[in-house]
């Protein structure tokens, strides 16, 4: 995904991490910490990258998650 420098596999791990939550209109303030914490044990490098995202990157990641959920739910 443009601007995030994540592989498709990494993006899918993030999406899987968010399966249990419903994201509505905008990027929730807890989302970055939630994703990074959930990824920390199995994917520490990816967790660190997510923690370093700025607001624009988080907004794009959130939109990707929402789009993917709308296709798969």
Protein backbone atom coordinates (compact mmCIF):
# COMPACT_ATOMS: atom_id res chain seq x y z
CA UNK A 1 0.00 0.00 0.00
CA UNK A 2 1.34 3.36 -1.02
CA UNK A 3 3.15 5.33 1.67
CA UNK A 4 3.10 2.55 4.24
CA UNK A 5 5.95 0.45 2.87
CA UNK A 6 4.31 -2.76 4.05
CA UNK A 7 4.14 -6.00 2.12
CA UNK A 8 0.80 -7.60 1.32
CA UNK A 9 1.54 -10.26 3.95
CA UNK A 10 2.18 -7.55 6.55
CA UNK A 11 -1.01 -5.73 5.62
CA UNK A 12 -2.97 -8.95 5.98
CA UNK A 13 -1.49 -9.55 9.44
CA UNK A 14 -2.69 -6.10 10.46
CA UNK A 15 -6.16 -6.82 9.05
CA UNK A 16 -6.29 -10.14 10.92
CA UNK A 17 -5.28 -8.31 14.09
CA UNK A 18 -8.34 -6.09 13.71
CA UNK A 19 -10.87 -8.86 13.03
CA UNK A 20 -12.43 -8.53 16.47
CA UNK A 21 -13.09 -4.79 16.26
CA UNK A 22 -15.47 -2.69 14.20
CA UNK A 23 -13.96 0.48 12.78
CA UNK A 24 -16.46 3.11 11.78
CA UNK A 25 -15.97 6.63 10.41
CA UNK A 26 -12.40 7.61 11.15
CA UNK A 27 -9.19 6.32 12.69
CA UNK A 28 -9.94 5.64 16.37
CA UNK A 29 -7.28 7.06 18.72
CA UNK A 30 -6.61 3.62 20.26
CA UNK A 31 -6.07 1.84 16.92
CA UNK A 32 -2.33 2.32 16.55
CA UNK A 33 -1.57 1.07 20.05
CA UNK A 34 -4.05 -1.80 19.70
CA UNK A 35 -2.50 -3.04 16.46
CA UNK A 36 1.09 -2.66 17.68
CA UNK A 37 0.35 -4.44 20.97
CA UNK A 38 -1.43 -7.31 19.22
CA UNK A 39 1.46 -7.77 16.78
CA UNK A 40 4.27 -7.41 19.34
CA UNK A 41 4.81 -11.06 20.24
CA UNK A 42 4.52 -12.72 16.84
CA UNK A 43 5.65 -9.82 14.62
CA UNK A 44 7.84 -7.46 16.69
CA UNK A 45 9.34 -5.71 13.67
CA UNK A 46 5.91 -5.01 12.19
CA UNK A 47 4.69 -3.84 15.58
CA UNK A 48 7.53 -1.33 15.76
CA UNK A 49 6.79 -0.06 12.26
CA UNK A 50 3.12 0.49 13.08
CA UNK A 51 4.08 2.39 16.25
CA UNK A 52 6.16 4.74 14.10
CA UNK A 53 3.35 5.61 11.66
CA UNK A 54 2.24 9.23 11.55
CA UNK A 55 -1.43 10.22 11.49
CA UNK A 56 -1.65 10.19 7.70
CA UNK A 57 -0.22 6.67 7.54
CA UNK A 58 -2.61 5.50 10.25
CA UNK A 59 -5.54 7.01 8.37
CA UNK A 60 -4.51 5.13 5.22
CA UNK A 61 -3.99 1.91 7.16
CA UNK A 62 -7.37 2.31 8.83
CA UNK A 63 -9.04 2.83 5.46
CA UNK A 64 -7.34 -0.31 4.12
CA UNK A 65 -8.61 -2.29 7.11
CA UNK A 66 -12.15 -0.97 6.67
CA UNK A 67 -12.11 -1.67 2.93
CA UNK A 68 -10.85 -5.20 3.48
CA UNK A 69 -13.43 -5.86 6.18
CA UNK A 70 -16.22 -4.64 3.92
CA UNK A 71 -15.12 -7.17 1.29
CA UNK A 72 -14.70 -10.11 3.65
CA UNK A 73 -17.51 -9.74 6.18
